[in-house]
């Protein structure tokens, strides 16, 4: 075998390895396991008293929390379902009486990275949306609240979100023709990816979502670069691939779902320019969207949380079928 042949064979081997690695990373965009979305456990979750969880639920007043925890019309459940062969967790908030009903449903995508039990943190928020007539399903993503697997923050864990579709379709009280999506921070990025990959929602709303991961990293490289290596091993070598997958600004033409984009004017975690830049791109592409910047508010729009959820619910109702 001459030198040129050896080089050609080596190159083919390298290309094959790269192709296999790339294919593995694409599992988040395609069906992977026959049991995806199959519910394997349902557990009723009696919410504890405010005093027991006030550190977790500190964004709420005692009145807000007690209203959600004690309302006899609704129940909080934890679902365990299969995603890529992993058992992962989702929260379900719904009316106790659902006989004969077909209810519009919001898939809620939380923010942050790996979390524990955050039921108490989310219950008052879910209650507010449920009072508007919606069921809420909230995937926790792999690795959180006892779920199996490793969170890649917008990688294979996207499958855990995509697999809430068969979860929803398996529940007879959910109207699969009226699904919506609501994402906060990291959950906004997950929402964009789900829409890009064809999750059939009528409309979506996001809060404080980043739309350009490179810009977010460059805004504070001392913090984000080490974090990037922690979340995505080999980040330095894979940066372009990782950034593109998670940056809606790079594939805004694939966002064909009506979008409500909300951001705090004083957001110190994700600059409002992320939403402004996406809105400009959506405008040029002729997409259906609304942009709302709440002057003086923070990352989660805490000062305007009642207004933000009312606006989101109205946006969803506007797109009911």
Protein backbone atom coordinates (compact mmCIF):
# COMPACT_ATOMS: atom_id res chain seq x y z
CA UNK A 1 0.00 0.00 0.00
CA UNK A 2 1.56 3.31 -1.07
CA UNK A 3 1.60 6.47 1.03
CA UNK A 4 -1.23 8.09 -0.92
CA UNK A 5 -3.46 5.01 -0.44
CA UNK A 6 -2.70 4.93 3.30
CA UNK A 7 -3.67 8.57 3.61
CA UNK A 8 -6.90 7.96 1.67
CA UNK A 9 -7.86 5.00 3.85
CA UNK A 10 -7.08 6.98 7.01
CA UNK A 11 -9.17 9.87 5.73
CA UNK A 12 -12.11 7.55 5.01
CA UNK A 13 -11.87 6.06 8.48
CA UNK A 14 -11.83 9.54 10.03
CA UNK A 15 -14.79 10.63 7.93
CA UNK A 16 -16.72 7.52 8.94
CA UNK A 17 -16.03 8.15 12.62
CA UNK A 18 -17.12 11.77 12.27
CA UNK A 19 -20.30 10.67 10.48
CA UNK A 20 -21.11 8.15 13.23
CA UNK A 21 -20.52 10.76 15.93
CA UNK A 22 -22.69 13.28 14.09
CA UNK A 23 -25.47 10.72 13.64
CA UNK A 24 -25.38 10.03 17.36
CA UNK A 25 -25.78 13.72 18.13
CA UNK A 26 -28.81 13.92 15.85
CA UNK A 27 -30.87 11.49 17.96
CA UNK A 28 -32.59 14.50 19.50
CA UNK A 29 -34.20 15.29 16.13
CA UNK A 30 -35.64 11.84 15.29
CA UNK A 31 -37.55 8.94 16.80
CA UNK A 32 -35.22 6.59 18.65
CA UNK A 33 -37.18 4.05 20.67
CA UNK A 34 -40.53 2.24 20.21
CA UNK A 35 -41.72 3.09 23.74
CA UNK A 36 -41.12 6.85 23.40
CA UNK A 37 -43.88 8.72 25.20
CA UNK A 38 -45.27 5.66 26.98
CA UNK A 39 -46.37 6.55 30.52
CA UNK A 40 -45.07 4.00 33.01
CA UNK A 41 -46.12 5.65 36.30
CA UNK A 42 -48.54 8.30 37.51
CA UNK A 43 -48.23 9.65 41.02
CA UNK A 44 -50.55 12.12 42.69
CA UNK A 45 -48.53 14.85 44.33
CA UNK A 46 -50.18 16.49 47.37
CA UNK A 47 -48.51 19.87 47.61
CA UNK A 48 -46.88 20.52 51.01
CA UNK A 49 -47.61 23.58 53.13
CA UNK A 50 -46.01 26.90 52.23
CA UNK A 51 -43.93 26.79 55.41
CA UNK A 52 -42.35 23.51 54.28
CA UNK A 53 -41.33 24.80 50.84
CA UNK A 54 -41.04 28.56 51.22
CA UNK A 55 -37.38 28.54 50.14
CA UNK A 56 -38.30 26.74 46.92
CA UNK A 57 -41.45 28.79 46.38
CA UNK A 58 -39.93 32.11 47.47
CA UNK A 59 -41.03 33.93 44.33
CA UNK A 60 -44.63 33.52 45.48
CA UNK A 61 -46.58 35.01 48.33
CA UNK A 62 -48.14 32.61 50.81
CA UNK A 63 -51.53 33.60 49.43
CA UNK A 64 -50.50 32.71 45.86
CA UNK A 65 -49.11 29.36 46.93
CA UNK A 66 -51.99 28.42 49.22
CA UNK A 67 -54.49 29.27 46.50
CA UNK A 68 -52.85 26.72 44.20
CA UNK A 69 -52.18 24.09 46.86
CA UNK A 70 -55.67 24.08 48.31
CA UNK A 71 -57.88 24.50 45.24
CA UNK A 72 -60.04 21.32 45.21
CA UNK A 73 -60.79 21.71 41.50
CA UNK A 74 -57.27 20.80 40.36
CA UNK A 75 -54.63 18.15 40.99
CA UNK A 76 -50.87 17.99 40.56
CA UNK A 77 -49.38 14.74 39.28
CA UNK A 78 -45.93 13.41 38.42
CA UNK A 79 -45.65 11.27 35.32
CA UNK A 80 -42.79 8.92 34.49
CA UNK A 81 -42.51 8.20 30.78
CA UNK A 82 -40.04 6.70 28.33
CA UNK A 83 -37.79 8.88 26.18
CA UNK A 84 -34.97 7.26 24.20
CA UNK A 85 -35.28 4.26 26.48
CA UNK A 86 -34.84 6.45 29.57
CA UNK A 87 -37.39 6.96 32.32
CA UNK A 88 -37.89 10.71 32.66
CA UNK A 89 -40.26 12.92 34.62
CA UNK A 90 -42.98 15.36 33.67
CA UNK A 91 -45.41 17.32 35.81
CA UNK A 92 -49.11 17.31 34.98
CA UNK A 93 -51.55 19.90 36.33
CA UNK A 94 -55.18 19.36 35.44
CA UNK A 95 -58.79 19.55 36.64
CA UNK A 96 -59.77 16.68 38.93
CA UNK A 97 -62.92 16.09 36.89
CA UNK A 98 -62.13 15.49 33.22
CA UNK A 99 -64.84 13.00 32.21
CA UNK A 100 -65.97 13.67 28.66
CA UNK A 101 -63.74 16.73 28.34
CA UNK A 102 -61.17 17.56 25.67
CA UNK A 103 -59.01 20.37 27.03
CA UNK A 104 -56.44 22.61 25.35
CA UNK A 105 -52.99 21.95 26.74
CA UNK A 106 -49.82 23.95 27.34
CA UNK A 107 -46.46 22.20 27.18
CA UNK A 108 -44.39 24.22 29.64
CA UNK A 109 -40.62 24.25 29.26
CA UNK A 110 -38.79 25.30 32.39
CA UNK A 111 -35.51 27.18 32.58
CA UNK A 112 -32.14 26.33 34.14
CA UNK A 113 -30.08 23.16 33.97
CA UNK A 114 -30.47 20.06 36.17
CA UNK A 115 -33.11 20.56 38.87
CA UNK A 116 -34.57 18.55 41.71
CA UNK A 117 -38.18 18.54 42.82
CA UNK A 118 -39.57 21.94 41.77
CA UNK A 119 -43.28 21.16 42.01
CA UNK A 120 -43.81 23.80 44.70
CA UNK A 121 -42.01 26.39 42.61
CA UNK A 122 -44.26 25.79 39.61
CA UNK A 123 -47.64 25.03 41.17
CA UNK A 124 -48.92 28.64 41.55
CA UNK A 125 -47.88 29.36 37.96
CA UNK A 126 -49.66 26.23 36.70
CA UNK A 127 -52.74 27.12 38.73
CA UNK A 128 -52.92 30.53 37.09
CA UNK A 129 -52.86 28.97 33.61
CA UNK A 130 -55.30 26.20 34.59
CA UNK A 131 -57.83 28.82 35.68
CA UNK A 132 -57.74 29.99 32.05
CA UNK A 133 -58.91 26.55 30.92
CA UNK A 134 -55.63 24.81 30.12
CA UNK A 135 -54.05 21.53 31.17
CA UNK A 136 -50.29 21.86 31.72
CA UNK A 137 -47.64 19.24 30.94
CA UNK A 138 -44.10 20.17 31.99
CA UNK A 139 -41.19 17.92 30.98
CA UNK A 140 -38.34 18.11 33.50
CA UNK A 141 -35.73 16.77 30.99
CA UNK A 142 -33.46 13.83 31.62
CA UNK A 143 -31.41 13.88 34.80
CA UNK A 144 -33.83 16.07 36.75
CA UNK A 145 -36.09 15.17 39.70
CA UNK A 146 -34.98 11.55 39.61
CA UNK A 147 -35.15 11.12 35.84
CA UNK A 148 -32.56 8.96 34.11
CA UNK A 149 -29.93 10.17 31.66
CA UNK A 150 -27.80 13.26 31.25
CA UNK A 151 -29.08 16.73 30.42
CA UNK A 152 -27.34 18.22 27.35
CA UNK A 153 -29.28 21.48 27.56
CA UNK A 154 -30.76 21.43 24.10
CA UNK A 155 -29.15 18.24 22.78
CA UNK A 156 -30.58 14.74 23.15
CA UNK A 157 -32.79 16.04 25.98
CA UNK A 158 -34.90 17.73 23.31
CA UNK A 159 -36.33 14.25 22.79
CA UNK A 160 -37.84 14.45 26.28
CA UNK A 161 -39.80 17.47 25.14
CA UNK A 162 -40.72 16.01 21.75
CA UNK A 163 -41.96 12.85 23.47
CA UNK A 164 -44.56 14.80 25.42
CA UNK A 165 -46.57 14.67 22.19
CA UNK A 166 -47.35 10.94 22.47
CA UNK A 167 -47.80 11.48 26.22
CA UNK A 168 -50.46 14.11 25.50
CA UNK A 169 -52.14 11.97 22.84
CA UNK A 170 -52.41 9.07 25.26
CA UNK A 171 -54.44 11.14 27.76
CA UNK A 172 -58.10 11.11 26.74
CA UNK A 173 -58.89 14.49 28.30
CA UNK A 174 -56.35 16.38 26.16
CA UNK A 175 -57.37 17.98 22.88
CA UNK A 176 -54.42 17.13 20.62
CA UNK A 177 -55.65 19.69 18.08
CA UNK A 178 -55.11 22.48 20.59
CA UNK A 179 -51.57 22.18 21.92
CA UNK A 180 -49.49 25.21 22.87
CA UNK A 181 -45.99 25.79 24.20
CA UNK A 182 -44.64 28.17 26.84
CA UNK A 183 -40.92 28.44 27.59
CA UNK A 184 -38.88 30.44 30.07
CA UNK A 185 -35.15 31.18 29.61
CA UNK A 186 -33.52 27.84 28.62
CA UNK A 187 -37.09 26.65 28.06
CA UNK A 188 -37.47 29.31 25.39
CA UNK A 189 -34.53 27.80 23.51
CA UNK A 190 -36.15 24.37 23.87
CA UNK A 191 -39.41 25.81 22.54
CA UNK A 192 -37.69 27.21 19.45
CA UNK A 193 -36.02 23.87 18.75
CA UNK A 194 -39.28 21.93 19.18
CA UNK A 195 -41.02 24.23 16.70
CA UNK A 196 -38.10 23.92 14.29
CA UNK A 197 -38.36 20.14 14.48
CA UNK A 198 -42.09 20.06 13.84
CA UNK A 199 -43.83 19.82 17.22
CA UNK A 200 -47.46 20.55 16.24
CA UNK A 201 -48.43 23.49 18.47
CA UNK A 202 -50.89 26.15 17.38
CA UNK A 203 -48.88 28.95 19.01
CA UNK A 204 -46.03 29.49 21.45
CA UNK A 205 -44.82 32.07 23.96
CA UNK A 206 -41.34 32.57 25.42
CA UNK A 207 -39.85 34.66 28.22
CA UNK A 208 -36.22 35.78 28.47
CA UNK A 209 -35.05 33.29 25.83
CA UNK A 210 -31.56 33.44 24.37
CA UNK A 211 -31.52 33.29 20.59
CA UNK A 212 -27.76 33.51 19.94
CA UNK A 213 -25.68 31.23 22.15
CA UNK A 214 -22.40 32.65 20.86
CA UNK A 215 -23.45 36.15 21.86
CA UNK A 216 -24.53 34.91 25.30
CA UNK A 217 -21.17 33.21 25.86
CA UNK A 218 -19.21 36.22 24.63
CA UNK A 219 -21.12 38.48 27.02
CA UNK A 220 -19.38 36.76 29.96
CA UNK A 221 -16.75 34.28 28.72
CA UNK A 222 -15.17 33.80 32.16
CA UNK A 223 -18.45 32.34 33.40
CA UNK A 224 -19.86 30.70 30.32
CA UNK A 225 -16.81 28.99 28.82
CA UNK A 226 -16.14 26.78 31.88
CA UNK A 227 -19.89 26.13 32.13
CA UNK A 228 -19.95 25.17 28.45
CA UNK A 229 -17.26 22.55 29.00
CA UNK A 230 -19.19 21.19 31.97
CA UNK A 231 -22.45 20.85 30.05
CA UNK A 232 -20.95 19.89 26.68
CA UNK A 233 -17.68 17.96 26.99
CA UNK A 234 -15.32 18.98 24.20
CA UNK A 235 -17.13 22.28 23.82
CA UNK A 236 -14.11 24.15 22.42
CA UNK A 237 -13.81 21.72 19.51
CA UNK A 238 -17.57 21.43 18.95
CA UNK A 239 -18.55 25.03 19.59
CA UNK A 240 -19.90 25.84 16.12
CA UNK A 241 -22.15 22.77 16.05
CA UNK A 242 -23.40 23.29 19.62
CA UNK A 243 -24.07 26.98 19.10
CA UNK A 244 -25.93 26.56 15.81
CA UNK A 245 -28.29 23.92 17.17
CA UNK A 246 -29.31 26.15 20.08
CA UNK A 247 -29.42 29.57 18.36
CA UNK A 248 -32.82 30.32 16.82
CA UNK A 249 -31.40 33.38 15.12
CA UNK A 250 -29.52 31.04 12.78
CA UNK A 251 -32.62 29.18 11.58
CA UNK A 252 -35.47 31.64 12.17
CA UNK A 253 -36.93 30.75 8.77
CA UNK A 254 -38.01 27.42 10.31
CA UNK A 255 -40.10 29.07 13.04
CA UNK A 256 -43.49 28.71 11.39
CA UNK A 257 -45.59 28.84 14.56
CA UNK A 258 -47.13 32.11 15.80
CA UNK A 259 -44.74 33.39 18.48
CA UNK A 260 -45.23 35.70 21.44
CA UNK A 261 -41.77 36.90 22.48
CA UNK A 262 -41.51 38.57 25.91
CA UNK A 263 -38.44 39.96 27.63
CA UNK A 264 -37.52 42.13 30.59
CA UNK A 265 -35.90 45.44 29.78
CA UNK A 266 -33.53 45.03 32.75
CA UNK A 267 -32.79 41.34 32.20
CA UNK A 268 -29.24 40.84 33.51
CA UNK A 269 -29.08 37.16 32.51
CA UNK A 270 -30.04 37.38 28.85
CA UNK A 271 -29.81 40.76 27.14
CA UNK A 272 -33.11 41.94 25.60
CA UNK A 273 -31.24 42.27 22.31
CA UNK A 274 -31.71 38.50 21.89
CA UNK A 275 -35.46 38.96 21.56
CA UNK A 276 -35.15 42.20 19.62
CA UNK A 277 -32.82 40.61 17.06
CA UNK A 278 -35.08 37.60 16.65
CA UNK A 279 -38.10 39.86 16.17
CA UNK A 280 -36.29 41.77 13.43
CA UNK A 281 -35.47 38.50 11.69
CA UNK A 282 -39.06 37.26 12.02
CA UNK A 283 -40.29 40.58 10.64
CA UNK A 284 -38.07 40.31 7.57
CA UNK A 285 -39.25 36.73 7.03
CA UNK A 286 -42.92 37.70 7.29
CA UNK A 287 -43.60 35.43 10.28
CA UNK A 288 -46.50 35.81 12.72
CA UNK A 289 -45.20 37.12 16.02
CA UNK A 290 -45.62 39.70 18.77
CA UNK A 291 -42.77 41.27 20.74
CA UNK A 292 -43.28 42.73 24.22
CA UNK A 293 -40.45 44.29 26.25
CA UNK A 294 -41.39 45.00 29.87
CA UNK A 295 -39.35 48.07 30.78
CA UNK A 296 -37.52 47.74 34.09
CA UNK A 297 -38.38 44.07 34.61
CA UNK A 298 -36.01 41.15 35.15
CA UNK A 299 -35.24 37.81 33.51
CA UNK A 300 -38.45 36.06 34.55
CA UNK A 301 -40.69 39.16 34.37
CA UNK A 302 -41.36 38.84 38.06
CA UNK A 303 -42.86 42.32 38.37
CA UNK A 304 -45.34 41.54 35.60
CA UNK A 305 -45.95 37.84 36.13
CA UNK A 306 -49.74 38.11 36.24
CA UNK A 307 -49.76 40.27 33.12
CA UNK A 308 -47.26 38.06 31.23
CA UNK A 309 -49.36 34.93 31.88
CA UNK A 310 -52.59 36.68 30.97
CA UNK A 311 -50.99 37.83 27.74
CA UNK A 312 -49.71 34.31 27.00
CA UNK A 313 -53.13 32.75 27.72
CA UNK A 314 -54.82 35.31 25.47
CA UNK A 315 -52.28 34.55 22.74
CA UNK A 316 -53.06 30.85 22.99
CA UNK A 317 -56.83 31.42 23.02
CA UNK A 318 -56.47 33.54 19.90
CA UNK A 319 -55.06 30.46 18.13
CA UNK A 320 -57.54 27.84 19.34
CA UNK A 321 -58.96 25.63 16.61
